[in-house]
């Protein structure tokens, strides 16, 4: 089996390298021209009784599966926000899977735990986060989650634990009605997290007039009204880089309100937070020292493959107080000494892979300078695209921030026609949205293979559908 694996892994590396080169040439379409059920009808209805060679599995992967994928690394993939990757990340995934570590506690894999402490501290410092977010500070620290959605749930649990002075663990939500606050620009994962944790629909706070940012004054007024009504303000979620337009909430002003009201502030910086690696974009984190938790998706803009969300907190006692459970089979002298971190108490699942190796490889393989170059490159490509949109008659530039460009035609009907035509063109993928009541098209740049020439080609494709 080991010889079979060596040959198959070498072939997989060759196939992936060829695939990346093809993406750079924009050879495959961005998304497949397939009808629902195409793969279902191509695969056997039952699992094989006998073992099959790994080489056959690879061949079927490239013949059956790859042609049916959407290629998120393609230069003309402009949908959603980027989900990136890199050779270093792929190598780390291979090694991590091969080692098969279960890193739920320090005792179950000491090096996995301590590596995660180191790399999350590295990244916190590189982003300019205050010392309180680091493990070395003694009160805070970082943990790698699978997604911003999981980070939201963990942050809500920590906030509920603190605002209830620990009673939440024993009584849950009985006898109180905790509330979560956000703007209508917050990602859908915020509403989902609020539902999952039993808080129901969040309180939607109006935006500051003339902006797409949560209004701190309106937040303060709403919290006061809720307290007067006998409700329990518990968590506020501010956003650094909204999905619709990459708007950035005023963390400093919101943070002051949260401090005065003793409400947990979580900052969802899934996309735009990574930009703080670059000094010229560090403004995105202004006021972050007032936050209790903060999360960035390294898989969006730092060339780490999905999943890789980093959640930091300055109050790990509330986080572990909310999530920590130690049955007899998890007792260990190291844990009881309180001298180690057990990341099982920092997340929802008990088990966890060695998540830090991927981030460690990526940071070392690129260096912080290289990762800054990645961000600056994508911003340059987005700026070029925004200029092309802005110069074109019949188009309106709705927003342009960091790597995101949002645009529309002069009427909703014309915009919808463009959206429909783009959906039928397999050489490009954009995301439709509604911003301030108007239909728009989002173009988010993040492919490592994007060039000025590919940007112009993409724009010509869009123009051809008008």
Protein backbone atom coordinates (compact mmCIF):
# COMPACT_ATOMS: atom_id res chain seq x y z
CA UNK A 1 0.00 0.00 0.00
CA UNK A 2 2.83 2.45 0.79
CA UNK A 3 4.32 2.04 -2.70
CA UNK A 4 0.88 2.50 -4.20
CA UNK A 5 0.47 5.68 -2.12
CA UNK A 6 3.85 7.07 -3.17
CA UNK A 7 3.05 6.61 -6.84
CA UNK A 8 -0.48 7.97 -6.49
CA UNK A 9 0.60 11.02 -4.48
CA UNK A 10 3.24 11.84 -7.08
CA UNK A 11 0.61 11.55 -9.81
CA UNK A 12 -1.80 13.71 -7.79
CA UNK A 13 0.88 16.39 -7.49
CA UNK A 14 1.43 16.31 -11.24
CA UNK A 15 -2.29 16.53 -11.96
CA UNK A 16 -2.75 19.45 -9.56
CA UNK A 17 0.23 21.32 -11.01
CA UNK A 18 -1.20 20.85 -14.51
CA UNK A 19 -4.59 22.02 -13.24
CA UNK A 20 -3.12 25.21 -11.74
CA UNK A 21 -1.29 25.98 -14.99
CA UNK A 22 -4.52 25.49 -16.94
CA UNK A 23 -6.33 27.89 -14.62
CA UNK A 24 -3.65 30.51 -15.21
CA UNK A 25 -4.32 30.13 -18.96
CA UNK A 26 -8.09 30.33 -18.29
CA UNK A 27 -8.55 27.07 -20.18
CA UNK A 28 -11.31 25.37 -18.19
CA UNK A 29 -14.66 27.13 -17.86
CA UNK A 30 -15.31 28.64 -14.43
CA UNK A 31 -18.34 26.46 -13.85
CA UNK A 32 -19.57 23.33 -15.66
CA UNK A 33 -22.33 23.05 -18.20
CA UNK A 34 -24.13 20.24 -16.41
CA UNK A 35 -27.67 19.41 -15.41
CA UNK A 36 -28.53 18.36 -11.85
CA UNK A 37 -27.87 14.65 -11.35
CA UNK A 38 -25.09 14.36 -13.92
CA UNK A 39 -22.59 12.86 -11.49
CA UNK A 40 -25.27 10.84 -9.70
CA UNK A 41 -26.02 9.01 -12.93
CA UNK A 42 -22.31 8.39 -13.61
CA UNK A 43 -21.51 6.60 -10.35
CA UNK A 44 -22.49 3.10 -9.18
CA UNK A 45 -25.49 2.91 -6.87
CA UNK A 46 -23.61 0.73 -4.36
CA UNK A 47 -20.11 0.74 -2.89
CA UNK A 48 -17.56 -1.74 -4.34
CA UNK A 49 -17.03 -5.02 -2.51
CA UNK A 50 -13.37 -5.30 -3.51
CA UNK A 51 -10.51 -2.85 -3.05
CA UNK A 52 -9.57 -0.67 -6.00
CA UNK A 53 -6.14 0.76 -6.85
CA UNK A 54 -5.44 4.35 -5.80
CA UNK A 55 -4.48 5.10 -9.41
CA UNK A 56 -8.03 4.24 -10.48
CA UNK A 57 -9.44 6.59 -7.86
CA UNK A 58 -7.31 9.44 -9.20
CA UNK A 59 -8.32 8.70 -12.76
CA UNK A 60 -12.00 8.75 -11.86
CA UNK A 61 -11.52 11.96 -9.89
CA UNK A 62 -10.16 13.78 -12.92
CA UNK A 63 -12.55 12.18 -15.39
CA UNK A 64 -15.77 12.37 -13.38
CA UNK A 65 -15.45 14.84 -10.51
CA UNK A 66 -13.15 17.65 -11.66
CA UNK A 67 -15.19 18.42 -14.82
CA UNK A 68 -18.22 19.00 -12.57
CA UNK A 69 -16.56 21.50 -10.22
CA UNK A 70 -16.72 25.27 -9.97
CA UNK A 71 -13.14 26.53 -10.10
CA UNK A 72 -12.78 29.04 -7.26
CA UNK A 73 -9.15 29.77 -8.18
CA UNK A 74 -10.03 30.76 -11.77
CA UNK A 75 -9.15 34.37 -12.74
CA UNK A 76 -12.75 34.91 -13.91
CA UNK A 77 -14.26 33.56 -10.70
CA UNK A 78 -15.47 36.80 -9.10
CA UNK A 79 -18.29 35.45 -6.95
CA UNK A 80 -18.93 35.64 -3.22
CA UNK A 81 -15.56 36.35 -1.59
CA UNK A 82 -12.41 34.41 -2.54
CA UNK A 83 -11.62 31.03 -1.05
CA UNK A 84 -7.93 30.71 -1.70
CA UNK A 85 -5.25 28.07 -1.72
CA UNK A 86 -1.54 27.64 -2.41
CA UNK A 87 0.98 24.83 -2.87
CA UNK A 88 2.16 25.29 0.74
CA UNK A 89 -1.41 24.87 1.98
CA UNK A 90 -1.96 21.75 -0.12
CA UNK A 91 1.29 20.23 1.15
CA UNK A 92 0.29 20.96 4.74
CA UNK A 93 -3.11 19.32 4.19
CA UNK A 94 -1.35 16.18 2.92
CA UNK A 95 1.02 16.03 5.87
CA UNK A 96 -1.73 16.80 8.38
CA UNK A 97 -3.96 14.08 6.97
CA UNK A 98 -1.08 11.62 6.92
CA UNK A 99 -0.12 12.26 10.53
CA UNK A 100 -3.74 11.79 11.58
CA UNK A 101 -3.46 13.84 14.76
CA UNK A 102 -6.38 14.35 17.15
CA UNK A 103 -5.53 17.65 18.83
CA UNK A 104 -8.45 18.09 21.19
CA UNK A 105 -6.18 18.52 24.24
CA UNK A 106 -2.57 19.39 24.92
CA UNK A 107 -2.14 15.85 26.26
CA UNK A 108 -3.40 14.25 23.03
CA UNK A 109 -0.86 16.14 20.88
CA UNK A 110 1.32 18.66 22.71
CA UNK A 111 3.13 19.97 19.62
CA UNK A 112 -0.16 20.50 17.72
CA UNK A 113 -1.52 22.64 20.55
CA UNK A 114 1.62 24.70 21.07
CA UNK A 115 2.08 25.23 17.33
CA UNK A 116 -1.44 26.67 17.18
CA UNK A 117 -0.65 29.03 20.05
CA UNK A 118 2.45 30.24 18.22
CA UNK A 119 0.92 30.76 14.77
CA UNK A 120 -2.20 32.50 16.07
CA UNK A 121 0.05 34.84 18.05
CA UNK A 122 2.19 35.39 14.93
CA UNK A 123 -0.84 36.35 12.91
CA UNK A 124 -2.32 38.56 15.65
CA UNK A 125 0.89 40.57 15.79
CA UNK A 126 1.15 40.75 11.99
CA UNK A 127 -2.40 42.16 11.81
CA UNK A 128 -1.60 44.74 14.47
CA UNK A 129 -4.03 43.31 17.03
CA UNK A 130 -3.41 44.42 20.62
CA UNK A 131 -1.33 42.17 22.88
CA UNK A 132 -4.49 41.15 24.75
CA UNK A 133 -5.47 38.90 21.85
CA UNK A 134 -2.31 36.79 22.20
CA UNK A 135 -1.77 33.64 24.25
CA UNK A 136 1.38 35.26 25.61
CA UNK A 137 -0.76 37.94 27.30
CA UNK A 138 -2.23 35.46 29.76
CA UNK A 139 -5.87 36.53 29.32
CA UNK A 140 -6.51 36.05 25.60
CA UNK A 141 -5.47 33.96 22.66
CA UNK A 142 -6.36 32.59 19.26
CA UNK A 143 -7.87 29.36 18.02
CA UNK A 144 -8.38 28.04 14.49
CA UNK A 145 -12.03 27.33 13.74
CA UNK A 146 -13.48 25.86 10.58
CA UNK A 147 -15.43 28.98 9.59
CA UNK A 148 -16.66 32.44 10.57
CA UNK A 149 -20.00 30.75 11.32
CA UNK A 150 -18.43 28.61 14.03
CA UNK A 151 -16.56 31.63 15.35
CA UNK A 152 -19.87 33.49 15.73
CA UNK A 153 -21.42 30.63 17.72
CA UNK A 154 -18.40 30.40 20.01
CA UNK A 155 -18.37 34.17 20.56
CA UNK A 156 -22.09 34.20 21.38
CA UNK A 157 -21.59 31.41 23.91
CA UNK A 158 -18.78 33.36 25.57
CA UNK A 159 -20.87 36.52 25.63
CA UNK A 160 -23.84 34.72 27.18
CA UNK A 161 -21.60 33.19 29.81
CA UNK A 162 -20.16 36.55 30.80
CA UNK A 163 -23.36 38.59 30.75
CA UNK A 164 -25.12 35.96 32.92
CA UNK A 165 -22.16 35.78 35.33
CA UNK A 166 -21.92 32.08 34.58
CA UNK A 167 -25.55 31.24 35.31
CA UNK A 168 -26.16 30.47 31.63
CA UNK A 169 -24.31 27.16 31.98
CA UNK A 170 -26.80 25.86 34.52
CA UNK A 171 -30.06 27.54 33.53
CA UNK A 172 -29.67 28.22 29.82
CA UNK A 173 -32.03 30.93 28.65
CA UNK A 174 -34.68 30.31 31.32
CA UNK A 175 -35.87 33.44 33.03
CA UNK A 176 -34.22 35.87 30.62
CA UNK A 177 -34.33 37.00 27.02
CA UNK A 178 -30.76 37.66 25.79
CA UNK A 179 -30.40 39.67 22.60
CA UNK A 180 -27.86 39.90 19.79
CA UNK A 181 -27.46 43.12 17.80
CA UNK A 182 -26.12 43.70 14.29
CA UNK A 183 -26.86 45.74 11.17
CA UNK A 184 -28.76 44.60 8.10
CA UNK A 185 -25.38 44.37 6.36
CA UNK A 186 -24.10 41.58 8.64
CA UNK A 187 -23.39 38.23 7.02
CA UNK A 188 -26.10 35.56 7.14
CA UNK A 189 -23.93 33.52 9.53
CA UNK A 190 -24.73 36.07 12.26
CA UNK A 191 -28.46 35.37 12.04
CA UNK A 192 -27.79 31.64 11.85
CA UNK A 193 -25.55 31.80 14.94
CA UNK A 194 -28.20 33.75 16.82
CA UNK A 195 -30.80 31.13 15.96
CA UNK A 196 -28.57 28.17 16.78
CA UNK A 197 -27.73 29.54 20.23
CA UNK A 198 -31.39 30.09 21.06
CA UNK A 199 -31.46 33.87 20.83
CA UNK A 200 -33.75 33.89 17.81
CA UNK A 201 -33.65 36.66 15.23
CA UNK A 202 -31.10 39.39 16.00
CA UNK A 203 -32.01 43.00 16.69
CA UNK A 204 -31.29 44.86 13.45
CA UNK A 205 -29.77 48.26 14.17
CA UNK A 206 -30.25 51.03 11.60
CA UNK A 207 -27.29 52.32 9.64
CA UNK A 208 -25.64 55.67 10.17
CA UNK A 209 -27.42 58.00 7.70
CA UNK A 210 -25.69 58.16 4.35
CA UNK A 211 -23.50 55.09 5.08
CA UNK A 212 -23.68 51.30 5.10
CA UNK A 213 -22.36 51.10 8.68
CA UNK A 214 -24.11 50.19 11.91
CA UNK A 215 -25.15 53.37 13.75
CA UNK A 216 -23.51 53.42 17.23
CA UNK A 217 -26.01 55.97 18.58
CA UNK A 218 -28.98 53.89 17.41
CA UNK A 219 -27.35 50.85 19.03
CA UNK A 220 -27.07 52.64 22.37
CA UNK A 221 -30.68 53.80 22.22
CA UNK A 222 -31.92 50.30 21.39
CA UNK A 223 -29.91 48.69 24.19
CA UNK A 224 -31.35 51.18 26.70
CA UNK A 225 -34.89 50.51 25.50
CA UNK A 226 -34.37 46.75 25.74
CA UNK A 227 -33.01 46.98 29.28
CA UNK A 228 -36.01 49.10 30.28
CA UNK A 229 -38.26 46.37 28.86
CA UNK A 230 -36.58 43.74 31.05
CA UNK A 231 -34.57 42.16 28.25
CA UNK A 232 -30.87 41.27 28.41
CA UNK A 233 -28.51 42.84 25.84
CA UNK A 234 -25.77 40.22 25.44
CA UNK A 235 -23.80 40.38 22.18
CA UNK A 236 -23.10 42.91 19.43
CA UNK A 237 -21.61 41.78 16.11
CA UNK A 238 -19.81 44.43 14.08
CA UNK A 239 -18.52 43.73 10.58
CA UNK A 240 -15.20 44.57 8.95
CA UNK A 241 -15.95 44.00 5.27
CA UNK A 242 -19.66 43.37 4.73
CA UNK A 243 -20.65 40.88 2.07
CA UNK A 244 -22.68 43.36 0.05
CA UNK A 245 -20.24 46.26 -0.32
CA UNK A 246 -17.24 45.59 1.95
CA UNK A 247 -18.44 48.31 4.34
CA UNK A 248 -16.55 48.61 7.62
CA UNK A 249 -18.40 49.33 10.84
CA UNK A 250 -16.94 51.87 13.27
CA UNK A 251 -15.45 49.42 15.74
CA UNK A 252 -14.19 52.18 18.02
CA UNK A 253 -17.56 53.88 18.45
CA UNK A 254 -19.45 50.59 18.74
CA UNK A 255 -16.84 49.33 21.18
CA UNK A 256 -17.33 52.30 23.48
CA UNK A 257 -21.06 51.59 23.60
CA UNK A 258 -20.41 47.92 24.39
CA UNK A 259 -17.96 48.80 27.16
CA UNK A 260 -20.43 51.18 28.79
CA UNK A 261 -23.24 48.63 28.53
CA UNK A 262 -21.14 45.56 29.44
CA UNK A 263 -22.09 43.78 26.21
CA UNK A 264 -19.79 41.35 24.39
CA UNK A 265 -18.46 42.77 21.11
CA UNK A 266 -17.55 40.30 18.39
CA UNK A 267 -15.94 41.63 15.21
CA UNK A 268 -16.61 39.57 12.08
CA UNK A 269 -13.62 40.47 9.90
CA UNK A 270 -13.82 37.31 7.82
CA UNK A 271 -12.82 38.97 4.55
CA UNK A 272 -11.39 42.43 5.12
CA UNK A 273 -9.48 41.77 8.33
CA UNK A 274 -6.60 40.19 6.42
CA UNK A 275 -5.96 43.53 4.71
CA UNK A 276 -4.55 44.82 8.01
CA UNK A 277 -1.34 42.95 7.17
CA UNK A 278 -0.60 45.97 4.97
CA UNK A 279 0.11 49.21 6.87
CA UNK A 280 -1.89 51.23 4.34
CA UNK A 281 -5.01 49.13 5.06
CA UNK A 282 -4.60 48.79 8.81
CA UNK A 283 -7.37 51.35 9.30
CA UNK A 284 -9.83 48.45 8.89
CA UNK A 285 -9.00 47.47 12.48
CA UNK A 286 -9.28 50.89 14.10
CA UNK A 287 -10.72 50.44 17.57
CA UNK A 288 -10.33 46.67 17.64
CA UNK A 289 -8.80 46.91 21.11
CA UNK A 290 -12.35 47.45 22.39
CA UNK A 291 -13.55 44.10 20.99
CA UNK A 292 -13.90 40.93 23.07
CA UNK A 293 -13.48 38.62 20.09
CA UNK A 294 -12.34 38.99 16.51
CA UNK A 295 -12.27 36.54 13.59
CA UNK A 296 -10.55 36.41 10.18
CA UNK A 297 -10.90 33.76 7.48
CA UNK A 298 -7.32 32.94 6.49
CA UNK A 299 -8.81 30.86 3.68
CA UNK A 300 -10.30 33.97 2.09
CA UNK A 301 -7.24 36.11 1.51
CA UNK A 302 -4.15 34.50 3.01
CA UNK A 303 -3.65 31.57 0.62
CA UNK A 304 -4.64 29.03 3.28
CA UNK A 305 -7.08 26.44 1.96
CA UNK A 306 -10.57 26.11 3.35
CA UNK A 307 -11.27 25.68 6.24
CA UNK A 308 -9.08 28.08 8.21
CA UNK A 309 -10.82 30.73 10.32
CA UNK A 310 -8.84 32.28 13.16
CA UNK A 311 -10.81 33.48 16.18
CA UNK A 312 -9.13 35.57 18.86
CA UNK A 313 -10.47 36.67 22.22
CA UNK A 314 -9.18 38.90 24.99
CA UNK A 315 -11.31 37.01 27.53
CA UNK A 316 -10.54 33.35 27.22
CA UNK A 317 -11.91 32.71 30.72
CA UNK A 318 -15.44 33.51 29.48
CA UNK A 319 -14.91 31.41 26.35
CA UNK A 320 -13.65 28.33 28.18
CA UNK A 321 -16.13 28.95 30.99
CA UNK A 322 -18.92 28.65 28.45
CA UNK A 323 -17.61 25.65 26.54
CA UNK A 324 -15.40 23.73 28.96
CA UNK A 325 -16.64 20.28 30.02
CA UNK A 326 -14.32 17.71 31.62
CA UNK A 327 -15.73 14.21 32.12
CA UNK A 328 -13.44 11.66 33.80
CA UNK A 329 -12.11 10.29 30.51
CA UNK A 330 -10.73 13.73 29.64
CA UNK A 331 -8.96 14.30 32.96
CA UNK A 332 -5.20 14.70 32.67
CA UNK A 333 -2.57 16.10 35.04
CA UNK A 334 -1.44 18.65 32.45
CA UNK A 335 -4.98 20.01 32.14
CA UNK A 336 -5.44 20.12 35.88
CA UNK A 337 -2.19 22.04 36.27
CA UNK A 338 -3.78 24.91 34.25
CA UNK A 339 -0.42 25.35 32.56
CA UNK A 340 -1.61 24.23 29.12
CA UNK A 341 -4.32 25.08 26.59
CA UNK A 342 -6.93 22.49 25.66
CA UNK A 343 -8.52 23.70 22.43
CA UNK A 344 -11.49 21.37 22.86
CA UNK A 345 -12.76 24.08 25.25
CA UNK A 346 -12.43 26.77 22.54
CA UNK A 347 -14.78 25.22 19.98
CA UNK A 348 -18.06 23.32 19.58
CA UNK A 349 -16.74 19.84 18.57
CA UNK A 350 -14.65 17.74 20.91
CA UNK A 351 -12.25 16.41 18.29
CA UNK A 352 -10.09 18.50 16.02
CA UNK A 353 -7.38 17.92 13.41
CA UNK A 354 -3.97 19.57 13.62
CA UNK A 355 -5.21 22.82 12.13
CA UNK A 356 -2.12 24.94 12.74
CA UNK A 357 0.26 23.15 10.38
CA UNK A 358 -1.48 24.63 7.33
CA UNK A 359 -1.21 28.20 8.59
CA UNK A 360 2.39 27.59 9.72
CA UNK A 361 3.35 26.34 6.24
CA UNK A 362 1.57 29.18 4.46
CA UNK A 363 3.09 31.95 6.57
CA UNK A 364 6.58 30.52 6.27
CA UNK A 365 6.35 29.70 2.55
CA UNK A 366 5.16 33.21 1.63
CA UNK A 367 6.56 35.29 4.45
CA UNK A 368 4.58 38.28 5.66
CA UNK A 369 6.01 40.29 2.77
CA UNK A 370 4.67 37.76 0.29
CA UNK A 371 1.22 37.74 1.90
CA UNK A 372 1.13 41.53 1.76
CA UNK A 373 1.95 41.27 -1.95
CA UNK A 374 -1.02 38.94 -2.41
CA UNK A 375 -3.40 41.49 -0.90
CA UNK A 376 -1.91 44.44 -2.76
CA UNK A 377 -2.08 42.54 -6.05
CA UNK A 378 -5.78 41.76 -5.62
CA UNK A 379 -6.56 45.36 -4.65
CA UNK A 380 -4.73 46.59 -7.78
CA UNK A 381 -6.72 44.21 -9.97
CA UNK A 382 -10.00 45.35 -8.38
CA UNK A 383 -9.02 49.01 -8.84
CA UNK A 384 -8.30 48.39 -12.52
CA UNK A 385 -11.69 46.71 -12.93
CA UNK A 386 -13.47 49.53 -11.05
CA UNK A 387 -11.88 52.08 -13.38
CA UNK A 388 -13.13 50.15 -16.40
CA UNK A 389 -16.66 50.06 -14.97
CA UNK A 390 -16.59 53.74 -14.05
CA UNK A 391 -15.55 54.78 -17.55
CA UNK A 392 -18.27 52.79 -19.32
CA UNK A 393 -21.48 54.56 -20.31
CA UNK A 394 -24.56 52.73 -19.08
CA UNK A 395 -22.84 51.35 -15.98
CA UNK A 396 -22.82 52.73 -12.44
CA UNK A 397 -20.08 51.97 -9.90
CA UNK A 398 -21.97 51.27 -6.69
CA UNK A 399 -18.98 50.51 -4.44
CA UNK A 400 -15.29 49.71 -4.68
CA UNK A 401 -13.39 48.70 -1.56
CA UNK A 402 -10.26 46.55 -1.25
CA UNK A 403 -10.76 43.58 -3.60
CA UNK A 404 -14.51 44.04 -4.14
CA UNK A 405 -16.24 45.98 -6.93
CA UNK A 406 -20.03 46.39 -6.96
CA UNK A 407 -21.73 47.78 -10.05
CA UNK A 408 -25.07 47.96 -11.86
CA UNK A 409 -26.69 49.12 -15.07
CA UNK A 410 -28.77 52.29 -15.14
CA UNK A 411 -32.03 50.44 -14.38
CA UNK A 412 -32.93 47.35 -12.33
CA UNK A 413 -34.36 45.73 -15.44
CA UNK A 414 -31.11 46.19 -17.35
CA UNK A 415 -29.11 44.90 -14.39
CA UNK A 416 -31.28 41.80 -14.09
CA UNK A 417 -30.89 41.15 -17.80
CA UNK A 418 -27.11 41.33 -17.39
CA UNK A 419 -27.27 38.97 -14.40
CA UNK A 420 -29.33 36.46 -16.37
CA UNK A 421 -26.93 36.54 -19.31
CA UNK A 422 -23.87 36.18 -17.09
CA UNK A 423 -25.43 33.15 -15.43
CA UNK A 424 -25.55 31.40 -18.80
CA UNK A 425 -21.89 32.18 -19.59
CA UNK A 426 -19.67 29.47 -18.14
CA UNK A 427 -16.49 31.50 -18.64
CA UNK A 428 -17.27 33.91 -15.78
CA UNK A 429 -18.96 33.88 -12.39
CA UNK A 430 -20.18 36.96 -10.49
CA UNK A 431 -22.61 37.19 -7.58
CA UNK A 432 -25.88 39.16 -7.81
CA UNK A 433 -27.09 41.11 -4.80
CA UNK A 434 -29.45 43.88 -3.76
CA UNK A 435 -27.87 47.00 -2.24
CA UNK A 436 -30.03 49.84 -0.96
CA UNK A 437 -32.96 48.41 -2.87
CA UNK A 438 -31.13 48.26 -6.21
CA UNK A 439 -30.04 45.14 -8.09
CA UNK A 440 -26.26 44.95 -8.39
CA UNK A 441 -23.47 42.66 -9.53
CA UNK A 442 -20.56 41.87 -7.21
CA UNK A 443 -17.05 41.13 -8.50
CA UNK A 444 -14.59 39.98 -5.85
CA UNK A 445 -10.96 39.55 -6.92
CA UNK A 446 -8.77 36.95 -5.26
CA UNK A 447 -7.41 34.43 -7.74
CA UNK A 448 -3.63 34.02 -7.68
CA UNK A 449 -3.77 33.79 -11.48
CA UNK A 450 -5.44 37.17 -12.13
CA UNK A 451 -3.49 39.56 -14.37
CA UNK A 452 -4.32 42.96 -15.89
CA UNK A 453 -4.93 41.12 -19.18
CA UNK A 454 -7.38 38.70 -17.56
CA UNK A 455 -9.18 41.61 -15.87
CA UNK A 456 -9.66 43.36 -19.22
CA UNK A 457 -10.81 40.11 -20.79
CA UNK A 458 -13.33 39.64 -18.00
CA UNK A 459 -14.64 43.17 -18.48
CA UNK A 460 -15.03 42.62 -22.22
CA UNK A 461 -17.03 39.48 -21.44
CA UNK A 462 -19.36 41.45 -19.18
CA UNK A 463 -19.75 44.23 -21.76
CA UNK A 464 -20.61 41.68 -24.43
CA UNK A 465 -23.73 40.72 -22.46
CA UNK A 466 -25.23 44.22 -22.42
